[in-house]
C-alpha atoms as a PDB file:
ATOM      1  CA  UNK A   1     -14.832  13.327  -2.441  1.00  0.00           C
ATOM      2  CA  UNK A   2     -17.344  10.330  -2.719  1.00  0.00           C
ATOM      3  CA  UNK A   3     -18.306   8.515   0.208  1.00  0.00           C
ATOM      4  CA  UNK A   4     -18.342   4.808  -0.823  1.00  0.00           C
ATOM      5  CA  UNK A   5     -18.940   3.278   2.708  1.00  0.00           C
ATOM      6  CA  UNK A   6     -17.550   4.010   6.193  1.00  0.00           C
ATOM      7  CA  UNK A   7     -15.106   1.626   7.821  1.00  0.00           C
ATOM      8  CA  UNK A   8     -16.972  -0.664  10.446  1.00  0.00           C
ATOM      9  CA  UNK A   9     -16.132   0.152  14.063  1.00  0.00           C
ATOM     10  CA  UNK A  10     -15.033   3.831  13.629  1.00  0.00           C
ATOM     11  CA  UNK A  11     -17.616   6.588  14.729  1.00  0.00           C
ATOM     12  CA  UNK A  12     -18.121   8.738  11.727  1.00  0.00           C
ATOM     13  CA  UNK A  13     -17.796  11.841  13.760  1.00  0.00           C
ATOM     14  CA  UNK A  14     -14.365  10.486  15.027  1.00  0.00           C
ATOM     15  CA  UNK A  15     -13.263   9.751  11.448  1.00  0.00           C
ATOM     16  CA  UNK A  16     -14.250  13.098  10.272  1.00  0.00           C
ATOM     17  CA  UNK A  17     -12.280  14.865  12.923  1.00  0.00           C
ATOM     18  CA  UNK A  18      -9.374  12.635  12.634  1.00  0.00           C
ATOM     19  CA  UNK A  19      -9.428  13.856   8.832  1.00  0.00           C
ATOM     20  CA  UNK A  20      -9.750  17.775   9.569  1.00  0.00           C
ATOM     21  CA  UNK A  21      -6.670  17.324  12.008  1.00  0.00           C
ATOM     22  CA  UNK A  22      -4.519  15.204   9.597  1.00  0.00           C
ATOM     23  CA  UNK A  23      -5.221  18.125   6.926  1.00  0.00           C
ATOM     24  CA  UNK A  24      -4.198  20.779   9.311  1.00  0.00           C
ATOM     25  CA  UNK A  25      -1.074  18.944  10.046  1.00  0.00           C
ATOM     26  CA  UNK A  26      -0.421  18.548   6.327  1.00  0.00           C
ATOM     27  CA  UNK A  27      -0.830  22.189   5.804  1.00  0.00           C
ATOM     28  CA  UNK A  28       1.580  23.103   8.718  1.00  0.00           C
ATOM     29  CA  UNK A  29       4.131  20.616   7.229  1.00  0.00           C
ATOM     30  CA  UNK A  30       3.940  22.083   3.807  1.00  0.00           C
ATOM     31  CA  UNK A  31       5.542  25.089   5.047  1.00  0.00           C
ATOM     32  CA  UNK A  32       8.668  23.232   6.084  1.00  0.00           C
ATOM     33  CA  UNK A  33       9.242  21.217   2.946  1.00  0.00           C
ATOM     34  CA  UNK A  34      10.824  18.313   4.422  1.00  0.00           C
ATOM     35  CA  UNK A  35      10.186  15.468   2.378  1.00  0.00           C
ATOM     36  CA  UNK A  36       9.948  12.635   4.716  1.00  0.00           C
ATOM     37  CA  UNK A  37       7.443  14.925   6.851  1.00  0.00           C
ATOM     38  CA  UNK A  38       5.405  15.523   3.775  1.00  0.00           C
ATOM     39  CA  UNK A  39       5.311  11.775   3.067  1.00  0.00           C
ATOM     40  CA  UNK A  40       4.141  10.998   6.561  1.00  0.00           C
ATOM     41  CA  UNK A  41       1.557  13.608   6.561  1.00  0.00           C
ATOM     42  CA  UNK A  42       0.039  12.557   3.231  1.00  0.00           C
ATOM     43  CA  UNK A  43      -0.131   8.950   4.585  1.00  0.00           C
ATOM     44  CA  UNK A  44      -1.987  10.129   7.429  1.00  0.00           C
ATOM     45  CA  UNK A  45      -4.362  11.912   5.564  1.00  0.00           C
ATOM     46  CA  UNK A  46      -4.755   9.010   3.380  1.00  0.00           C
ATOM     47  CA  UNK A  47      -5.358   6.976   6.335  1.00  0.00           C
ATOM     48  CA  UNK A  48      -8.197   9.341   7.333  1.00  0.00           C
ATOM     49  CA  UNK A  49      -9.849   9.164   3.898  1.00  0.00           C
ATOM     50  CA  UNK A  50      -9.395   5.454   3.962  1.00  0.00           C
ATOM     51  CA  UNK A  51     -11.665   5.170   7.267  1.00  0.00           C
ATOM     52  CA  UNK A  52     -14.196   7.264   5.550  1.00  0.00           C
ATOM     53  CA  UNK A  53     -14.197   5.241   2.593  1.00  0.00           C
ATOM     54  CA  UNK A  54     -13.208   7.806   0.259  1.00  0.00           C
ATOM     55  CA  UNK A  55     -11.004   5.809  -1.963  1.00  0.00           C
ATOM     56  CA  UNK A  56      -9.991   7.930  -4.771  1.00  0.00           C
ATOM     57  CA  UNK A  57      -8.706  10.949  -2.043  1.00  0.00           C
ATOM     58  CA  UNK A  58      -6.939   7.907  -0.128  1.00  0.00           C
ATOM     59  CA  UNK A  59      -5.330   6.603  -3.125  1.00  0.00           C
ATOM     60  CA  UNK A  60      -4.327  10.244  -4.526  1.00  0.00           C
ATOM     61  CA  UNK A  61      -2.886  10.906  -1.005  1.00  0.00           C
ATOM     62  CA  UNK A  62      -0.775   7.642  -1.152  1.00  0.00           C
ATOM     63  CA  UNK A  63       0.538   8.412  -4.381  1.00  0.00           C
ATOM     64  CA  UNK A  64       1.726  11.700  -3.067  1.00  0.00           C
ATOM     65  CA  UNK A  65       3.358  10.302   0.004  1.00  0.00           C
ATOM     66  CA  UNK A  66       5.192   7.911  -2.177  1.00  0.00           C
ATOM     67  CA  UNK A  67       6.585  10.512  -4.474  1.00  0.00           C
ATOM     68  CA  UNK A  68       7.754  12.768  -1.399  1.00  0.00           C
ATOM     69  CA  UNK A  69       9.268   9.378   0.169  1.00  0.00           C
ATOM     70  CA  UNK A  70      10.857   8.801  -3.009  1.00  0.00           C
ATOM     71  CA  UNK A  71      12.115  12.163  -3.451  1.00  0.00           C
ATOM     72  CA  UNK A  72      13.746  12.240   0.148  1.00  0.00           C
ATOM     73  CA  UNK A  73      15.290   8.923  -0.340  1.00  0.00           C
ATOM     74  CA  UNK A  74      13.256   7.570   2.449  1.00  0.00           C
ATOM     75  CA  UNK A  75      13.118   3.909   1.326  1.00  0.00           C
ATOM     76  CA  UNK A  76      11.912   2.499   4.417  1.00  0.00           C
ATOM     77  CA  UNK A  77       8.965   4.856   4.541  1.00  0.00           C
ATOM     78  CA  UNK A  78       8.309   4.055   0.771  1.00  0.00           C
ATOM     79  CA  UNK A  79       7.822   0.656   1.568  1.00  0.00           C
ATOM     80  CA  UNK A  80       5.339   1.330   4.321  1.00  0.00           C
ATOM     81  CA  UNK A  81       3.373   3.478   1.959  1.00  0.00           C
ATOM     82  CA  UNK A  82       3.413   0.903  -0.637  1.00  0.00           C
ATOM     83  CA  UNK A  83       2.023  -1.723   1.742  1.00  0.00           C
ATOM     84  CA  UNK A  84      -0.547   0.899   2.655  1.00  0.00           C
ATOM     85  CA  UNK A  85      -1.168   1.711  -1.002  1.00  0.00           C
ATOM     86  CA  UNK A  86      -1.745  -1.954  -1.687  1.00  0.00           C
ATOM     87  CA  UNK A  87      -4.143  -2.444   0.949  1.00  0.00           C
ATOM     88  CA  UNK A  88      -6.240   0.716  -0.021  1.00  0.00           C
ATOM     89  CA  UNK A  89      -6.247  -0.578  -3.745  1.00  0.00           C
ATOM     90  CA  UNK A  90      -7.581  -3.844  -2.436  1.00  0.00           C
ATOM     91  CA  UNK A  91     -10.443  -1.927  -0.314  1.00  0.00           C
ATOM     92  CA  UNK A  92     -11.249   0.298  -3.244  1.00  0.00           C
ATOM     93  CA  UNK A  93     -11.467  -2.662  -5.300  1.00  0.00           C
ATOM     94  CA  UNK A  94     -13.724  -4.498  -2.972  1.00  0.00           C
ATOM     95  CA  UNK A  95     -15.985  -1.223  -2.995  1.00  0.00           C
ATOM     96  CA  UNK A  96     -15.948  -0.770  -6.757  1.00  0.00           C
ATOM     97  CA  UNK A  97     -16.811  -4.638  -7.123  1.00  0.00           C
ATOM     98  CA  UNK A  98     -20.306  -3.859  -4.861  1.00  0.00           C
ATOM     99  CA  UNK A  99     -21.067  -1.168  -7.223  1.00  0.00           C
ATOM    100  CA  UNK A 100     -20.414  -3.271 -10.411  1.00  0.00           C
ATOM    101  CA  UNK A 101     -19.339  -6.705 -11.244  1.00  0.00           C
ATOM    102  CA  UNK A 102     -15.654  -6.642 -12.563  1.00  0.00           C
ATOM    103  CA  UNK A 103     -15.452  -2.766 -11.402  1.00  0.00           C
ATOM    104  CA  UNK A 104     -12.685  -3.623  -9.158  1.00  0.00           C
ATOM    105  CA  UNK A 105     -10.290  -5.599 -11.616  1.00  0.00           C
ATOM    106  CA  UNK A 106      -8.450  -2.645 -12.736  1.00  0.00           C
ATOM    107  CA  UNK A 107      -7.437  -1.688  -9.183  1.00  0.00           C
ATOM    108  CA  UNK A 108      -6.648  -5.274  -8.143  1.00  0.00           C
ATOM    109  CA  UNK A 109      -4.164  -5.207 -11.304  1.00  0.00           C
ATOM    110  CA  UNK A 110      -2.614  -1.841  -9.891  1.00  0.00           C
ATOM    111  CA  UNK A 111      -2.303  -3.287  -6.554  1.00  0.00           C
ATOM    112  CA  UNK A 112      -0.373  -6.641  -7.861  1.00  0.00           C
ATOM    113  CA  UNK A 113       1.821  -4.105  -9.917  1.00  0.00           C
ATOM    114  CA  UNK A 114       2.691  -2.457  -6.547  1.00  0.00           C
ATOM    115  CA  UNK A 115       3.059  -5.766  -4.882  1.00  0.00           C
ATOM    116  CA  UNK A 116       5.588  -7.140  -7.082  1.00  0.00           C
ATOM    117  CA  UNK A 117       7.621  -3.718  -7.488  1.00  0.00           C
ATOM    118  CA  UNK A 118       7.606  -3.416  -3.759  1.00  0.00           C
ATOM    119  CA  UNK A 119       8.638  -7.348  -3.265  1.00  0.00           C
ATOM    120  CA  UNK A 120      11.805  -6.450  -5.915  1.00  0.00           C
ATOM    121  CA  UNK A 121      12.810  -3.261  -3.916  1.00  0.00           C
ATOM    122  CA  UNK A 122      12.384  -5.356  -0.789  1.00  0.00           C
ATOM    123  CA  UNK A 123      15.570  -7.185  -2.144  1.00  0.00           C
ATOM    124  CA  UNK A 124      17.769  -4.400  -1.300  1.00  0.00           C
ATOM    125  CA  UNK A 125      16.663  -3.950   2.438  1.00  0.00           C
ATOM    126  CA  UNK A 126      19.292  -5.131   4.742  1.00  0.00           C
ATOM    127  CA  UNK A 127      16.671  -5.856   7.680  1.00  0.00           C
ATOM    128  CA  UNK A 128      15.542  -9.437   7.303  1.00  0.00           C
ATOM    129  CA  UNK A 129      12.788  -9.144  10.176  1.00  0.00           C
ATOM    130  CA  UNK A 130      11.241  -6.079   8.239  1.00  0.00           C
ATOM    131  CA  UNK A 131      11.397  -7.828   4.843  1.00  0.00           C
ATOM    132  CA  UNK A 132       9.452 -10.780   6.476  1.00  0.00           C
ATOM    133  CA  UNK A 133       6.869  -8.491   7.892  1.00  0.00           C
ATOM    134  CA  UNK A 134       6.270  -6.615   4.396  1.00  0.00           C
ATOM    135  CA  UNK A 135       6.332  -9.792   2.545  1.00  0.00           C
ATOM    136  CA  UNK A 136       3.773 -11.326   4.748  1.00  0.00           C
ATOM    137  CA  UNK A 137       1.634  -8.034   4.450  1.00  0.00           C
ATOM    138  CA  UNK A 138       1.658  -8.074   0.717  1.00  0.00           C
ATOM    139  CA  UNK A 139       0.827 -12.011   0.356  1.00  0.00           C
ATOM    140  CA  UNK A 140      -2.204 -11.296   2.460  1.00  0.00           C
ATOM    141  CA  UNK A 141      -3.399  -8.981   0.060  1.00  0.00           C
ATOM    142  CA  UNK A 142      -2.762 -11.512  -3.093  1.00  0.00           C
ATOM    143  CA  UNK A 143      -4.322 -14.177  -1.019  1.00  0.00           C
ATOM    144  CA  UNK A 144      -7.296 -12.003  -0.741  1.00  0.00           C
ATOM    145  CA  UNK A 145      -7.402 -11.398  -4.265  1.00  0.00           C
ATOM    146  CA  UNK A 146      -7.431 -15.229  -4.776  1.00  0.00           C
ATOM    147  CA  UNK A 147      -3.756 -15.287  -6.053  1.00  0.00           C
ATOM    148  CA  UNK A 148      -2.828 -18.270  -3.896  1.00  0.00           C
ATOM    149  CA  UNK A 149       0.209 -19.207  -5.981  1.00  0.00           C
ATOM    150  CA  UNK A 150       1.773 -15.688  -5.514  1.00  0.00           C
ATOM    151  CA  UNK A 151       0.921 -15.351  -2.063  1.00  0.00           C
ATOM    152  CA  UNK A 152       2.543 -18.512  -1.493  1.00  0.00           C
ATOM    153  CA  UNK A 153       5.774 -17.680  -3.323  1.00  0.00           C
ATOM    154  CA  UNK A 154       6.040 -14.283  -0.946  1.00  0.00           C
ATOM    155  CA  UNK A 155       5.301 -16.258   1.915  1.00  0.00           C
ATOM    156  CA  UNK A 156       8.028 -18.696   0.900  1.00  0.00           C
ATOM    157  CA  UNK A 157      10.540 -16.202   0.600  1.00  0.00           C
ATOM    158  CA  UNK A 158       9.597 -14.704   3.812  1.00  0.00           C
ATOM    159  CA  UNK A 159      10.195 -18.298   5.610  1.00  0.00           C
ATOM    160  CA  UNK A 160      13.510 -18.363   3.818  1.00  0.00           C
ATOM    161  CA  UNK A 161      14.570 -14.844   5.306  1.00  0.00           C
ATOM    162  CA  UNK A 162      13.273 -16.304   8.807  1.00  0.00           C
ATOM    163  CA  UNK A 163      15.652 -18.961   8.730  1.00  0.00           C
ATOM    164  CA  UNK A 164      18.406 -16.914   7.525  1.00  0.00           C
ATOM    165  CA  UNK A 165      18.522 -18.446   3.717  1.00  0.00           C
ATOM    166  CA  UNK A 166      19.345 -15.949   0.891  1.00  0.00           C
ATOM    167  CA  UNK A 167      15.602 -15.837  -0.874  1.00  0.00           C
ATOM    168  CA  UNK A 168      15.276 -17.338  -4.350  1.00  0.00           C
ATOM    169  CA  UNK A 169      13.657 -14.905  -6.757  1.00  0.00           C
ATOM    170  CA  UNK A 170       9.939 -15.951  -7.369  1.00  0.00           C
ATOM    171  CA  UNK A 171      10.040 -16.374 -11.456  1.00  0.00           C
ATOM    172  CA  UNK A 172       6.236 -15.867 -11.546  1.00  0.00           C
ATOM    173  CA  UNK A 173       6.483 -12.618  -9.720  1.00  0.00           C
ATOM    174  CA  UNK A 174       9.420 -11.500 -11.770  1.00  0.00           C
ATOM    175  CA  UNK A 175       7.638 -12.496 -15.190  1.00  0.00           C
ATOM    176  CA  UNK A 176       4.401 -10.767 -14.148  1.00  0.00           C
ATOM    177  CA  UNK A 177       6.269  -7.344 -13.148  1.00  0.00           C
ATOM    178  CA  UNK A 178       8.124  -7.460 -16.702  1.00  0.00           C
ATOM    179  CA  UNK A 179       5.131  -8.586 -18.587  1.00  0.00           C
ATOM    180  CA  UNK A 180       3.130  -5.362 -17.004  1.00  0.00           C
ATOM    181  CA  UNK A 181       6.058  -3.139 -17.878  1.00  0.00           C
ATOM    182  CA  UNK A 182       5.595  -3.512 -21.683  1.00  0.00           C
END
């Protein structure tokens, strides 16, 4: 585990204790084998690693959490984890950029892919209020990357859902996701 930098305002001792507690919980949950419980436990472990700035470990646990959520058909949980994954990729990209100029680019590209995939998955969510919250969360990360056009498209979609309109599919996002798939 590589300690890159510690999240501000969180005492290191508390973060380490939170990691130990979440790892013990994950170990206990593994015996039960319930997909959603494993997804949540990995999500919690990832959060503890993220607090410590241990980006690779956080990302690995988020990937595992998504696999468990998808295996259990827990779409809402998977979307929550995808949002955390995007935010964690953004943090890891920032840390990599501090180490070497351009070092964060692959992580930002991966985050964009997850954003666009998640935005498409949201079209199947029935809860408009939840969709709005997730769209705004995803747009924040795109905005952080300087992708103002795509961030604005997601914000517009959120606004359309807020006023009860059926969102128009954003051509840029669909085109971007299609081009990354090839």
